[in-house]
N, C-alpha and C. Protein backbone atom coordinates (compact mmCIF):
# COMPACT_ATOMS: atom_id res chain seq x y z
N MET A 1 89.93 122.95 132.37
CA MET A 1 89.50 123.60 131.03
C MET A 1 90.29 124.95 129.65
N LYS A 2 90.67 125.45 130.94
CA LYS A 2 91.61 126.41 130.04
C LYS A 2 92.68 124.80 128.89
N LYS A 3 93.08 124.32 129.43
CA LYS A 3 94.07 123.48 128.88
C LYS A 3 93.25 122.68 128.06
N ILE A 4 92.40 122.20 127.99
CA ILE A 4 91.49 121.56 126.57
C ILE A 4 91.61 122.80 125.52
N PHE A 5 90.61 123.59 126.38
CA PHE A 5 90.17 125.21 124.91
C PHE A 5 91.90 125.23 124.46
N LEU A 6 93.14 125.19 125.07
CA LEU A 6 93.92 125.99 124.17
C LEU A 6 94.17 124.53 123.14
N PHE A 7 94.13 123.75 123.98
CA PHE A 7 94.72 122.01 122.97
C PHE A 7 93.82 122.46 121.41
N LEU A 8 92.72 122.38 121.69
CA LEU A 8 92.21 122.24 120.73
C LEU A 8 91.92 123.19 119.60
N ILE A 9 92.73 124.60 120.27
CA ILE A 9 92.93 125.71 119.20
C ILE A 9 94.12 125.33 118.43
N LEU A 10 94.83 124.89 119.57
CA LEU A 10 96.46 124.88 119.33
C LEU A 10 96.00 123.23 118.13
N GLY A 11 95.57 122.54 117.78
CA GLY A 11 95.55 121.43 117.32
C GLY A 11 94.95 122.19 116.19
N SER A 12 93.70 123.16 116.20
CA SER A 12 93.12 123.07 114.97
C SER A 12 94.03 124.24 113.53
N LEU A 13 95.23 124.91 114.52
CA LEU A 13 95.76 125.65 113.50
C LEU A 13 96.84 124.75 113.02
N LEU A 14 97.01 123.54 113.87
CA LEU A 14 98.08 122.84 112.57
C LEU A 14 97.65 122.30 111.75
N ILE A 15 96.50 121.55 112.15
CA ILE A 15 95.31 120.88 111.05
C ILE A 15 95.67 121.93 109.87
N THR A 16 94.92 123.06 110.38
CA THR A 16 94.83 124.38 109.22
C THR A 16 95.30 124.33 107.90
N GLY A 17 96.90 125.11 109.10
CA GLY A 17 98.07 124.86 108.50
C GLY A 17 98.77 123.90 107.87
N CYS A 18 98.51 122.72 108.27
CA CYS A 18 99.28 121.81 107.31
C CYS A 18 98.50 121.50 105.88
N SER A 19 97.13 121.65 105.79
CA SER A 19 96.95 121.77 104.29
C SER A 19 96.81 122.44 103.35
N ILE A 20 96.94 123.57 104.16
CA ILE A 20 97.28 124.82 103.19
C ILE A 20 98.44 124.85 102.81
N ARG A 21 99.76 124.41 103.61
CA ARG A 21 100.89 124.13 103.61
C ARG A 21 101.04 123.13 102.47
N LYS A 22 100.18 121.74 102.61
CA LYS A 22 99.90 120.63 101.25
C LYS A 22 100.31 121.08 100.51
N LYS A 23 98.93 122.35 99.85
CA LYS A 23 98.77 121.93 98.54
C LYS A 23 99.87 122.97 97.65
N ASP A 24 100.18 123.84 98.99
CA ASP A 24 101.20 124.82 98.30
C ASP A 24 102.11 124.03 98.06
N ALA A 25 102.31 122.69 98.30
CA ALA A 25 104.29 121.78 98.29
C ALA A 25 103.80 121.01 97.35
N SER A 26 102.87 120.36 97.24
CA SER A 26 102.28 119.83 96.11
C SER A 26 102.43 121.05 94.28
N GLU A 27 101.52 121.30 94.06
CA GLU A 27 101.89 122.71 93.31
C GLU A 27 103.58 123.15 93.29
N GLU A 28 104.40 123.47 94.06
CA GLU A 28 106.01 123.51 94.02
C GLU A 28 106.35 122.21 93.42
N PHE A 29 106.22 121.35 93.78
CA PHE A 29 106.71 119.75 93.51
C PHE A 29 106.47 119.96 91.62
N SER A 30 105.07 119.91 91.38
CA SER A 30 105.03 119.79 89.97
C SER A 30 105.82 120.15 88.76
N LYS A 31 105.66 122.11 89.62
CA LYS A 31 106.32 122.52 88.78
C LYS A 31 108.08 122.28 88.53
N LYS A 32 108.98 122.34 89.73
CA LYS A 32 110.12 121.96 89.75
C LYS A 32 110.05 120.18 88.67
N ILE A 33 109.25 119.31 89.06
CA ILE A 33 109.79 117.88 87.53
C ILE A 33 109.46 118.55 86.94
N GLU A 34 108.49 119.31 86.51
CA GLU A 34 107.68 120.12 85.14
C GLU A 34 109.25 120.55 84.40
N LYS A 35 109.80 121.64 85.29
CA LYS A 35 111.64 122.25 84.82
C LYS A 35 112.31 121.20 84.81
N ALA A 36 112.31 120.60 85.54
CA ALA A 36 113.92 119.71 85.54
C ALA A 36 114.27 118.44 84.27
N SER A 37 115.28 118.86 84.23
CA SER A 37 116.18 117.73 83.43
C SER A 37 116.55 116.23 83.38
N SER A 38 116.33 116.12 84.67
CA SER A 38 116.63 114.91 85.51
C SER A 38 116.17 114.61 86.68
N TYR A 39 115.90 113.38 87.19
CA TYR A 39 115.04 113.10 88.33
C TYR A 39 115.26 111.74 88.82
N TYR A 40 115.55 111.57 90.14
CA TYR A 40 115.14 110.23 90.49
C TYR A 40 114.08 109.16 91.59
N VAL A 41 113.32 108.67 91.72
CA VAL A 41 112.52 108.57 92.38
C VAL A 41 113.03 106.92 93.03
N GLU A 42 112.05 106.83 94.32
CA GLU A 42 112.35 105.15 94.20
C GLU A 42 110.99 105.30 95.23
N GLY A 43 110.32 103.79 95.33
CA GLY A 43 109.15 103.70 96.08
C GLY A 43 109.00 102.01 96.14
N SER A 44 107.32 102.01 96.64
CA SER A 44 107.05 100.84 96.57
C SER A 44 105.46 100.63 95.64
N MET A 45 105.05 99.47 95.06
CA MET A 45 103.88 99.40 94.61
C MET A 45 103.20 98.49 95.18
N ASP A 46 102.24 97.99 95.53
CA ASP A 46 101.40 97.01 95.20
C ASP A 46 100.82 96.57 94.19
N ILE A 47 100.41 95.52 93.42
CA ILE A 47 99.54 95.10 93.01
C ILE A 47 99.00 93.97 93.14
N ILE A 48 97.18 94.14 93.32
CA ILE A 48 96.50 93.36 93.21
C ILE A 48 95.82 93.12 92.64
N ASN A 49 95.48 91.05 92.53
CA ASN A 49 95.28 90.71 91.63
C ASN A 49 94.35 89.61 91.91
N ASN A 50 93.06 89.80 92.10
CA ASN A 50 92.16 89.29 92.77
C ASN A 50 92.57 89.05 94.21
N GLU A 51 92.79 87.83 94.85
CA GLU A 51 93.10 87.09 96.29
C GLU A 51 94.58 87.40 96.73
N ASP A 52 95.20 87.79 95.20
CA ASP A 52 97.22 87.91 95.61
C ASP A 52 97.81 89.10 95.57
N THR A 53 98.20 89.72 96.57
CA THR A 53 98.72 90.97 96.20
C THR A 53 100.66 90.89 96.07
N TYR A 54 100.90 91.39 95.14
CA TYR A 54 102.58 91.43 94.95
C TYR A 54 102.99 92.71 94.75
N THR A 55 103.73 92.87 95.85
CA THR A 55 104.71 93.96 96.43
C THR A 55 105.99 94.14 95.07
N TYR A 56 106.07 95.02 95.19
CA TYR A 56 107.60 95.55 94.08
C TYR A 56 107.85 96.76 94.07
N ASP A 57 109.41 96.79 94.76
CA ASP A 57 110.53 97.43 94.81
C ASP A 57 110.74 98.97 93.80
N VAL A 58 110.16 99.83 93.72
CA VAL A 58 110.22 100.66 91.91
C VAL A 58 111.45 101.97 92.05
N LYS A 59 112.39 101.63 90.74
CA LYS A 59 113.47 102.86 91.12
C LYS A 59 113.13 103.48 89.38
N VAL A 60 113.01 104.82 90.00
CA VAL A 60 112.95 105.51 88.24
C VAL A 60 113.77 106.11 87.94
N SER A 61 114.59 106.33 86.98
CA SER A 61 115.43 107.33 86.73
C SER A 61 115.11 107.88 85.92
N TYR A 62 115.21 109.29 85.65
CA TYR A 62 115.22 110.13 84.14
C TYR A 62 115.60 111.33 83.58
N GLN A 63 115.99 111.30 82.33
CA GLN A 63 117.00 112.45 82.19
C GLN A 63 116.09 112.97 80.57
N LYS A 64 116.51 114.47 80.21
CA LYS A 64 115.62 114.28 79.62
C LYS A 64 115.46 113.74 78.13
N ASP A 65 114.61 114.61 77.09
CA ASP A 65 114.32 113.97 75.66
C ASP A 65 113.92 112.39 76.10
N ASN A 66 113.10 112.33 76.88
CA ASN A 66 112.20 111.24 77.68
C ASN A 66 113.32 110.04 77.38
N ASN A 67 113.97 110.28 78.09
CA ASN A 67 114.97 108.84 77.89
C ASN A 67 114.51 108.41 79.99
N TYR A 68 114.79 107.09 79.86
CA TYR A 68 114.18 106.76 81.35
C TYR A 68 113.99 105.03 81.85
N LYS A 69 114.93 104.92 82.99
CA LYS A 69 115.25 103.53 83.72
C LYS A 69 113.86 103.42 84.27
N VAL A 70 113.13 102.15 84.66
CA VAL A 70 112.48 101.51 85.83
C VAL A 70 112.74 100.26 86.23
N GLU A 71 113.43 100.24 87.21
CA GLU A 71 113.42 98.58 87.66
C GLU A 71 111.81 98.20 89.06
N LEU A 72 111.68 96.97 88.46
CA LEU A 72 111.04 96.61 88.93
C LEU A 72 111.64 95.29 89.70
N THR A 73 111.33 95.71 91.09
CA THR A 73 111.52 94.37 91.76
C THR A 73 110.97 93.50 92.82
N ASN A 74 110.82 92.13 92.49
CA ASN A 74 109.07 91.80 93.39
C ASN A 74 109.83 91.12 94.59
N ILE A 75 108.87 91.56 95.27
CA ILE A 75 110.01 91.09 97.05
C ILE A 75 109.90 90.55 97.67
N SER A 76 108.94 89.06 96.93
CA SER A 76 108.93 87.97 97.63
C SER A 76 109.61 86.96 97.05
N ASN A 77 110.00 86.75 95.52
CA ASN A 77 110.73 86.69 95.15
C ASN A 77 112.37 86.99 94.45
N ASN A 78 112.56 88.18 94.27
CA ASN A 78 113.74 88.50 94.04
C ASN A 78 113.54 88.98 92.40
N HIS A 79 112.71 88.19 91.98
CA HIS A 79 112.79 88.54 90.77
C HIS A 79 112.53 90.22 89.51
N LYS A 80 113.08 90.43 89.32
CA LYS A 80 113.68 91.57 88.44
C LYS A 80 113.60 92.04 87.17
N GLN A 81 112.67 93.53 86.52
CA GLN A 81 112.38 93.35 85.34
C GLN A 81 113.33 94.91 84.76
N VAL A 82 114.09 94.87 83.98
CA VAL A 82 114.11 96.84 83.91
C VAL A 82 113.44 97.38 82.60
N ILE A 83 113.11 97.82 82.44
CA ILE A 83 112.86 98.67 81.37
C ILE A 83 113.18 99.84 81.02
N LEU A 84 114.44 100.22 80.26
CA LEU A 84 114.95 101.16 79.09
C LEU A 84 114.06 101.72 77.96
N ARG A 85 114.66 102.90 77.95
CA ARG A 85 114.05 104.19 76.64
C ARG A 85 115.08 104.95 77.00
N ASN A 86 115.71 105.07 75.41
CA ASN A 86 116.97 105.82 75.07
C ASN A 86 116.85 106.09 73.64
N SER A 87 117.73 106.96 72.91
CA SER A 87 117.45 107.14 71.51
C SER A 87 117.57 106.34 70.66
N ASP A 88 118.12 104.56 71.36
CA ASP A 88 118.24 103.77 70.09
C ASP A 88 116.80 102.37 70.81
N GLY A 89 116.15 103.13 71.22
CA GLY A 89 115.06 102.66 71.88
C GLY A 89 114.32 101.43 73.26
N VAL A 90 113.21 101.09 73.09
CA VAL A 90 112.67 100.27 74.34
C VAL A 90 113.66 98.80 74.28
N TYR A 91 114.15 98.80 75.68
CA TYR A 91 114.24 97.73 75.94
C TYR A 91 114.12 97.33 77.24
N VAL A 92 113.61 96.05 77.41
CA VAL A 92 112.30 95.44 78.43
C VAL A 92 113.50 94.22 78.73
N MET A 93 114.27 94.10 80.46
CA MET A 93 115.40 92.90 80.28
C MET A 93 114.36 92.78 81.64
N THR A 94 114.33 90.82 81.88
CA THR A 94 114.60 90.15 82.81
C THR A 94 115.07 90.18 83.63
N HIS A 95 115.71 89.82 84.98
CA HIS A 95 116.23 89.30 85.45
C HIS A 95 115.59 88.44 86.90
N LYS A 96 116.59 87.58 86.88
CA LYS A 96 116.60 86.93 88.26
C LYS A 96 117.63 86.15 88.79
N SER A 97 117.46 87.19 89.70
CA SER A 97 118.81 87.31 91.04
C SER A 97 120.06 88.35 90.55
N THR A 98 121.23 87.96 89.62
CA THR A 98 122.13 88.50 88.94
C THR A 98 121.89 88.02 87.63
N GLN A 99 121.38 87.20 87.06
CA GLN A 99 121.51 86.52 85.49
C GLN A 99 120.53 87.03 85.21
N LEU A 100 120.89 87.54 83.75
CA LEU A 100 119.60 88.44 82.47
C LEU A 100 119.06 87.05 82.16
N LEU A 101 117.87 86.62 82.34
CA LEU A 101 117.08 85.35 82.01
C LEU A 101 117.10 86.30 79.63
N LYS A 102 116.67 87.56 80.11
CA LYS A 102 115.53 87.55 78.63
C LYS A 102 115.86 89.33 78.25
N SER A 103 116.00 89.69 77.26
CA SER A 103 116.03 91.20 76.76
C SER A 103 114.84 91.35 75.66
N ASN A 104 114.71 91.76 75.40
CA ASN A 104 113.56 92.47 74.39
C ASN A 104 113.92 93.86 73.56
N LYS A 105 113.89 94.11 72.83
CA LYS A 105 113.75 95.57 72.00
C LYS A 105 112.65 96.08 71.41
N PHE A 106 112.14 97.22 71.90
CA PHE A 106 110.95 97.72 70.84
C PHE A 106 111.41 98.76 70.43
N GLU A 107 110.63 98.74 69.07
CA GLU A 107 110.91 100.33 68.33
C GLU A 107 109.44 101.52 69.26
N VAL A 108 110.43 102.55 69.18
CA VAL A 108 109.66 103.92 69.67
C VAL A 108 108.61 104.58 68.52
N ILE A 109 107.51 104.86 68.40
CA ILE A 109 106.88 104.58 67.89
C ILE A 109 105.97 106.17 68.39
N SER A 110 106.30 107.26 67.80
CA SER A 110 105.67 108.43 68.06
C SER A 110 104.01 108.42 67.77
N ILE A 111 103.26 109.47 68.74
CA ILE A 111 101.82 109.76 68.59
C ILE A 111 101.47 110.43 68.94
């Protein structure tokens, strides 16, 4: 009985401690991102379209003054798309494996 009681107390302290820490960590992370002059993030994204699911590897690089590069790679067919924004404009490039298939340039319009 003592072991069960001790386990419940430790479990509740662990859960309570993690939830409080999680809130502080997310706020701290948000503040650091706002102050950062650049960052790099990698992740995975699932797009669900009706009954189809598409999984993408996502890589994002950001530099101050709203310069960024977003790389999206479809896991199933290795199709790659790159979105690049710099002082010249916004470019969208479509790749299949290592071959550049298409490149489009868009003007940046401030709203």
